[in-house]
């Protein structure tokens, strides 16, 4: 079994409870991790046999940028389910850090994860 982690991917998105907060894009730092298995006899040097991290990263960015979620919790659930289904991956974990909110409160980070 392999574990893949895409860490602190910067994505601009409209998210927030109030219309004012959603009106302006915010920088989100998204970390994704997941597991997948392969048969031992498979050629690991062939990209067709392993997960395409580039495609997963692009899809993740699109999901977050085009989301109509108001909360990070809602966004995390939707992103996790979509990635599991599309890429046939397991144990998808997503963490989203709202960097601007963290700075506003003098914190290093304000994040939500599943």
N, C-alpha and C. Protein backbone atom coordinates (compact mmCIF):
# COMPACT_ATOMS: atom_id res chain seq x y z
N UNK A 1 0.85 -1.17 0.00
CA UNK A 1 0.00 0.00 0.00
C UNK A 1 0.90 1.24 0.00
N UNK A 2 0.48 2.24 -0.75
CA UNK A 2 1.23 3.49 -0.84
C UNK A 2 0.42 4.63 -0.23
N UNK A 3 1.13 5.54 0.42
CA UNK A 3 0.51 6.75 0.93
C UNK A 3 1.04 7.92 0.10
N UNK A 4 0.12 8.76 -0.34
CA UNK A 4 0.48 9.95 -1.12
C UNK A 4 0.03 11.16 -0.32
N UNK A 5 0.87 12.20 -0.30
CA UNK A 5 0.50 13.44 0.36
C UNK A 5 0.84 14.62 -0.55
N UNK A 6 -0.13 15.47 -0.75
CA UNK A 6 0.04 16.74 -1.46
C UNK A 6 -0.14 17.79 -0.39
N UNK A 7 0.93 18.54 -0.10
CA UNK A 7 0.94 19.37 1.10
C UNK A 7 0.91 20.87 0.78
N UNK A 8 0.00 21.57 1.46
CA UNK A 8 -0.10 23.03 1.40
C UNK A 8 -0.25 23.59 -0.01
N UNK A 9 -1.13 22.98 -0.78
CA UNK A 9 -1.45 23.46 -2.12
C UNK A 9 -2.22 24.77 -1.98
N UNK A 10 -1.71 25.85 -2.56
CA UNK A 10 -2.38 27.16 -2.49
C UNK A 10 -3.51 27.22 -3.51
N UNK A 11 -4.71 27.53 -3.02
CA UNK A 11 -5.88 27.62 -3.89
C UNK A 11 -6.67 28.86 -3.48
N UNK A 12 -7.01 29.69 -4.46
CA UNK A 12 -7.87 30.85 -4.21
C UNK A 12 -9.32 30.42 -4.37
N UNK A 13 -10.13 30.71 -3.36
CA UNK A 13 -11.53 30.26 -3.40
C UNK A 13 -12.44 31.24 -2.68
N UNK A 14 -13.69 31.23 -3.09
CA UNK A 14 -14.72 32.01 -2.40
C UNK A 14 -15.38 31.08 -1.40
N UNK A 15 -15.15 31.36 -0.13
CA UNK A 15 -15.73 30.53 0.93
C UNK A 15 -15.98 31.40 2.14
N UNK A 16 -17.02 31.09 2.86
CA UNK A 16 -17.34 31.84 4.07
C UNK A 16 -18.83 31.81 4.34
N UNK A 17 -19.18 32.16 5.55
CA UNK A 17 -20.59 32.14 5.95
C UNK A 17 -21.34 33.34 5.37
N UNK A 18 -20.75 34.51 5.45
CA UNK A 18 -21.45 35.71 4.98
C UNK A 18 -21.15 35.99 3.51
N UNK A 19 -22.06 36.69 2.86
CA UNK A 19 -21.87 37.07 1.46
C UNK A 19 -20.64 37.96 1.32
N UNK A 20 -20.40 38.81 2.31
CA UNK A 20 -19.23 39.69 2.29
C UNK A 20 -17.94 38.88 2.28
N UNK A 21 -17.89 37.84 3.11
CA UNK A 21 -16.70 36.99 3.18
C UNK A 21 -16.50 36.22 1.87
N UNK A 22 -17.60 35.77 1.25
CA UNK A 22 -17.52 35.02 0.00
C UNK A 22 -17.26 35.90 -1.21
N UNK A 23 -17.44 37.21 -1.08
CA UNK A 23 -17.30 38.11 -2.23
C UNK A 23 -15.86 38.20 -2.73
N UNK A 24 -14.92 38.01 -1.84
CA UNK A 24 -13.51 38.12 -2.20
C UNK A 24 -12.82 36.77 -2.03
N UNK A 25 -12.04 36.38 -3.02
CA UNK A 25 -11.33 35.11 -2.93
C UNK A 25 -10.33 35.13 -1.78
N UNK A 26 -10.22 34.00 -1.11
CA UNK A 26 -9.28 33.83 -0.01
C UNK A 26 -8.27 32.74 -0.38
N UNK A 27 -7.07 32.89 0.11
CA UNK A 27 -6.06 31.85 -0.10
C UNK A 27 -6.29 30.74 0.92
N UNK A 28 -6.46 29.55 0.40
CA UNK A 28 -6.58 28.36 1.25
C UNK A 28 -5.35 27.50 1.00
N UNK A 29 -4.80 26.93 2.05
CA UNK A 29 -3.71 25.97 1.93
C UNK A 29 -4.31 24.59 2.17
N UNK A 30 -4.32 23.77 1.14
CA UNK A 30 -4.99 22.47 1.19
C UNK A 30 -3.94 21.36 1.20
N UNK A 31 -4.09 20.47 2.16
CA UNK A 31 -3.25 19.27 2.23
C UNK A 31 -4.15 18.06 2.03
N UNK A 32 -3.73 17.20 1.14
CA UNK A 32 -4.48 15.99 0.81
C UNK A 32 -3.58 14.79 1.03
N UNK A 33 -4.10 13.76 1.67
CA UNK A 33 -3.38 12.49 1.74
C UNK A 33 -4.36 11.37 1.48
N UNK A 34 -3.83 10.30 0.90
CA UNK A 34 -4.67 9.14 0.59
C UNK A 34 -3.78 7.92 0.43
N UNK A 35 -4.43 6.76 0.41
CA UNK A 35 -3.75 5.49 0.23
C UNK A 35 -4.28 4.80 -1.01
N UNK A 36 -3.42 3.99 -1.62
CA UNK A 36 -3.88 3.09 -2.67
C UNK A 36 -2.96 1.88 -2.74
N UNK A 37 -3.50 0.80 -3.27
CA UNK A 37 -2.76 -0.45 -3.35
C UNK A 37 -2.56 -0.85 -4.80
N UNK A 38 -1.50 -1.60 -5.02
CA UNK A 38 -1.20 -2.16 -6.33
C UNK A 38 -0.80 -3.61 -6.17
N UNK A 39 -1.00 -4.39 -7.22
CA UNK A 39 -0.54 -5.77 -7.21
C UNK A 39 0.98 -5.77 -7.25
N UNK A 40 1.59 -6.72 -6.57
CA UNK A 40 3.05 -6.79 -6.49
C UNK A 40 3.71 -7.03 -7.85
N UNK A 41 3.01 -7.68 -8.76
CA UNK A 41 3.62 -8.03 -10.05
C UNK A 41 3.52 -6.90 -11.09
N UNK A 42 2.95 -5.79 -10.72
CA UNK A 42 2.71 -4.71 -11.69
C UNK A 42 3.98 -3.87 -11.90
N UNK A 43 4.13 -3.33 -13.10
CA UNK A 43 5.29 -2.49 -13.43
C UNK A 43 5.09 -1.10 -12.84
N UNK A 44 5.86 -0.76 -11.81
CA UNK A 44 5.73 0.52 -11.14
C UNK A 44 6.38 1.67 -11.90
N UNK A 45 7.09 1.37 -12.97
CA UNK A 45 7.68 2.42 -13.80
C UNK A 45 6.74 2.89 -14.90
N UNK A 46 5.59 2.29 -14.99
CA UNK A 46 4.60 2.66 -16.00
C UNK A 46 3.54 3.56 -15.35
N UNK A 47 3.43 4.80 -15.83
CA UNK A 47 2.49 5.78 -15.26
C UNK A 47 1.05 5.28 -15.31
N UNK A 48 0.75 4.41 -16.22
CA UNK A 48 -0.61 3.85 -16.32
C UNK A 48 -0.96 2.97 -15.12
N UNK A 49 0.06 2.53 -14.38
CA UNK A 49 -0.16 1.62 -13.26
C UNK A 49 -0.16 2.29 -11.89
N UNK A 50 0.17 3.56 -11.84
CA UNK A 50 0.21 4.28 -10.57
C UNK A 50 -0.75 5.47 -10.65
N UNK A 51 -1.01 6.11 -9.51
CA UNK A 51 -1.91 7.26 -9.49
C UNK A 51 -1.21 8.48 -10.09
N UNK A 52 -1.93 9.21 -10.90
CA UNK A 52 -1.41 10.40 -11.58
C UNK A 52 -1.59 11.61 -10.66
N UNK A 53 -0.55 11.97 -9.93
CA UNK A 53 -0.63 13.05 -8.94
C UNK A 53 -0.97 14.38 -9.59
N UNK A 54 -0.52 14.57 -10.82
CA UNK A 54 -0.82 15.81 -11.54
C UNK A 54 -2.32 15.95 -11.78
N UNK A 55 -2.95 14.90 -12.23
CA UNK A 55 -4.41 14.92 -12.47
C UNK A 55 -5.17 15.11 -11.18
N UNK A 56 -4.73 14.46 -10.13
CA UNK A 56 -5.40 14.58 -8.83
C UNK A 56 -5.27 16.02 -8.32
N UNK A 57 -4.09 16.61 -8.45
CA UNK A 57 -3.87 17.98 -8.00
C UNK A 57 -4.74 18.97 -8.78
N UNK A 58 -4.77 18.81 -10.10
CA UNK A 58 -5.61 19.70 -10.94
C UNK A 58 -7.08 19.59 -10.56
N UNK A 59 -7.54 18.36 -10.40
CA UNK A 59 -8.94 18.13 -10.05
C UNK A 59 -9.27 18.73 -8.68
N UNK A 60 -8.37 18.54 -7.72
CA UNK A 60 -8.54 19.11 -6.38
C UNK A 60 -8.67 20.63 -6.46
N UNK A 61 -7.80 21.27 -7.23
CA UNK A 61 -7.86 22.73 -7.39
C UNK A 61 -9.20 23.16 -7.98
N UNK A 62 -9.65 22.47 -9.02
CA UNK A 62 -10.93 22.79 -9.65
C UNK A 62 -12.09 22.64 -8.67
N UNK A 63 -12.09 21.55 -7.92
CA UNK A 63 -13.16 21.32 -6.95
C UNK A 63 -13.26 22.46 -5.94
N UNK A 64 -12.12 22.86 -5.40
CA UNK A 64 -12.11 23.90 -4.37
C UNK A 64 -12.46 25.25 -4.98
N UNK A 65 -11.89 25.58 -6.11
CA UNK A 65 -12.15 26.88 -6.75
C UNK A 65 -13.61 27.04 -7.18
N UNK A 66 -14.24 25.95 -7.60
CA UNK A 66 -15.62 26.02 -8.10
C UNK A 66 -16.66 25.65 -7.06
N UNK A 67 -16.24 25.44 -5.85
CA UNK A 67 -17.16 25.03 -4.79
C UNK A 67 -18.11 26.15 -4.40
N UNK A 68 -19.31 25.76 -3.99
CA UNK A 68 -20.25 26.73 -3.44
C UNK A 68 -20.44 26.48 -1.94
N UNK A 69 -19.48 25.81 -1.33
CA UNK A 69 -19.52 25.54 0.11
C UNK A 69 -19.34 26.83 0.89
N UNK A 70 -20.03 26.93 2.01
CA UNK A 70 -19.89 28.08 2.89
C UNK A 70 -18.91 27.79 4.02
N UNK A 71 -18.77 26.52 4.38
CA UNK A 71 -17.89 26.16 5.49
C UNK A 71 -16.79 25.21 5.00
N UNK A 72 -15.69 25.22 5.72
CA UNK A 72 -14.60 24.31 5.39
C UNK A 72 -15.03 22.86 5.59
N UNK A 73 -15.84 22.63 6.61
CA UNK A 73 -16.31 21.27 6.90
C UNK A 73 -17.08 20.70 5.70
N UNK A 74 -17.99 21.49 5.15
CA UNK A 74 -18.78 21.06 3.99
C UNK A 74 -17.88 20.81 2.79
N UNK A 75 -16.94 21.71 2.58
CA UNK A 75 -16.00 21.59 1.46
C UNK A 75 -15.16 20.32 1.59
N UNK A 76 -14.67 20.04 2.77
CA UNK A 76 -13.83 18.86 3.00
C UNK A 76 -14.59 17.58 2.68
N UNK A 77 -15.82 17.48 3.14
CA UNK A 77 -16.64 16.27 2.87
C UNK A 77 -16.85 16.11 1.37
N UNK A 78 -17.22 17.18 0.68
CA UNK A 78 -17.47 17.10 -0.76
C UNK A 78 -16.22 16.75 -1.55
N UNK A 79 -15.10 17.36 -1.20
CA UNK A 79 -13.84 17.09 -1.89
C UNK A 79 -13.41 15.64 -1.66
N UNK A 80 -13.49 15.18 -0.43
CA UNK A 80 -13.09 13.80 -0.11
C UNK A 80 -13.88 12.78 -0.90
N UNK A 81 -15.19 12.94 -0.92
CA UNK A 81 -16.06 12.00 -1.65
C UNK A 81 -15.78 12.01 -3.14
N UNK A 82 -15.62 13.21 -3.71
CA UNK A 82 -15.38 13.33 -5.15
C UNK A 82 -14.05 12.68 -5.54
N UNK A 83 -13.01 12.90 -4.75
CA UNK A 83 -11.70 12.33 -5.05
C UNK A 83 -11.71 10.81 -4.92
N UNK A 84 -12.35 10.29 -3.87
CA UNK A 84 -12.44 8.84 -3.68
C UNK A 84 -13.12 8.18 -4.88
N UNK A 85 -14.19 8.79 -5.32
CA UNK A 85 -14.97 8.22 -6.43
C UNK A 85 -14.21 8.30 -7.75
N UNK A 86 -13.71 9.48 -8.08
CA UNK A 86 -13.08 9.68 -9.39
C UNK A 86 -11.77 8.90 -9.54
N UNK A 87 -10.95 8.87 -8.49
CA UNK A 87 -9.62 8.28 -8.61
C UNK A 87 -9.47 6.93 -7.91
N UNK A 88 -10.57 6.42 -7.35
CA UNK A 88 -10.56 5.12 -6.69
C UNK A 88 -9.44 5.03 -5.65
N UNK A 89 -9.47 5.99 -4.73
CA UNK A 89 -8.48 6.04 -3.66
C UNK A 89 -9.19 5.87 -2.32
N UNK A 90 -8.43 5.49 -1.29
CA UNK A 90 -9.01 5.18 0.01
C UNK A 90 -8.47 6.12 1.08
N UNK A 91 -9.21 6.18 2.16
CA UNK A 91 -8.79 6.93 3.34
C UNK A 91 -8.32 8.34 3.00
N UNK A 92 -9.15 9.04 2.25
CA UNK A 92 -8.82 10.41 1.84
C UNK A 92 -8.93 11.33 3.06
N UNK A 93 -7.86 12.05 3.32
CA UNK A 93 -7.83 13.03 4.40
C UNK A 93 -7.52 14.39 3.79
N UNK A 94 -8.31 15.37 4.17
CA UNK A 94 -8.13 16.73 3.66
C UNK A 94 -8.03 17.67 4.85
N UNK A 95 -7.07 18.57 4.77
CA UNK A 95 -6.90 19.62 5.77
C UNK A 95 -6.85 20.94 5.02
N UNK A 96 -7.65 21.91 5.48
CA UNK A 96 -7.67 23.22 4.83
C UNK A 96 -7.36 24.28 5.86
N UNK A 97 -6.37 25.10 5.54
CA UNK A 97 -5.92 26.18 6.40
C UNK A 97 -6.33 27.52 5.77
N UNK A 98 -7.05 28.33 6.53
CA UNK A 98 -7.41 29.68 6.08
C UNK A 98 -6.33 30.63 6.60
N UNK A 99 -5.36 30.90 5.76
CA UNK A 99 -4.19 31.68 6.19
C UNK A 99 -4.53 33.11 6.59
N UNK A 100 -5.45 33.75 5.88
CA UNK A 100 -5.80 35.14 6.20
C UNK A 100 -6.47 35.23 7.56
N UNK A 101 -7.32 34.27 7.88
CA UNK A 101 -8.00 34.25 9.17
C UNK A 101 -6.97 34.05 10.28
N UNK A 102 -6.02 33.17 10.04
CA UNK A 102 -4.98 32.91 11.04
C UNK A 102 -4.21 34.19 11.34
N UNK A 103 -3.80 34.91 10.31
CA UNK A 103 -3.05 36.15 10.50
C UNK A 103 -3.88 37.18 11.27
N UNK A 104 -5.15 37.26 10.92
CA UNK A 104 -6.04 38.23 11.57
C UNK A 104 -6.11 38.01 13.08
N UNK A 105 -6.02 36.75 13.50
CA UNK A 105 -6.10 36.43 14.93
C UNK A 105 -4.72 36.25 15.57
N UNK A 106 -3.66 36.48 14.80
CA UNK A 106 -2.32 36.32 15.33
C UNK A 106 -1.93 34.87 15.54
N UNK A 107 -2.58 33.97 14.81
CA UNK A 107 -2.30 32.54 14.93
C UNK A 107 -1.42 32.08 13.76
N UNK A 108 -0.72 31.01 13.98
CA UNK A 108 0.08 30.42 12.91
C UNK A 108 -0.81 29.79 11.85
N UNK A 109 -1.90 29.17 12.31
CA UNK A 109 -2.82 28.57 11.35
C UNK A 109 -4.20 28.41 11.98
N UNK A 110 -5.20 28.43 11.11
CA UNK A 110 -6.57 28.09 11.48
C UNK A 110 -7.00 27.09 10.41
N UNK A 111 -7.12 25.83 10.82
CA UNK A 111 -7.43 24.80 9.82
C UNK A 111 -8.48 23.84 10.33
N UNK A 112 -9.10 23.18 9.35
CA UNK A 112 -10.10 22.14 9.63
C UNK A 112 -9.67 20.93 8.82
N UNK A 113 -9.80 19.74 9.41
CA UNK A 113 -9.49 18.52 8.67
C UNK A 113 -10.44 17.41 9.07
N UNK A 114 -10.48 16.39 8.21
CA UNK A 114 -11.34 15.24 8.50
C UNK A 114 -10.53 14.08 9.02
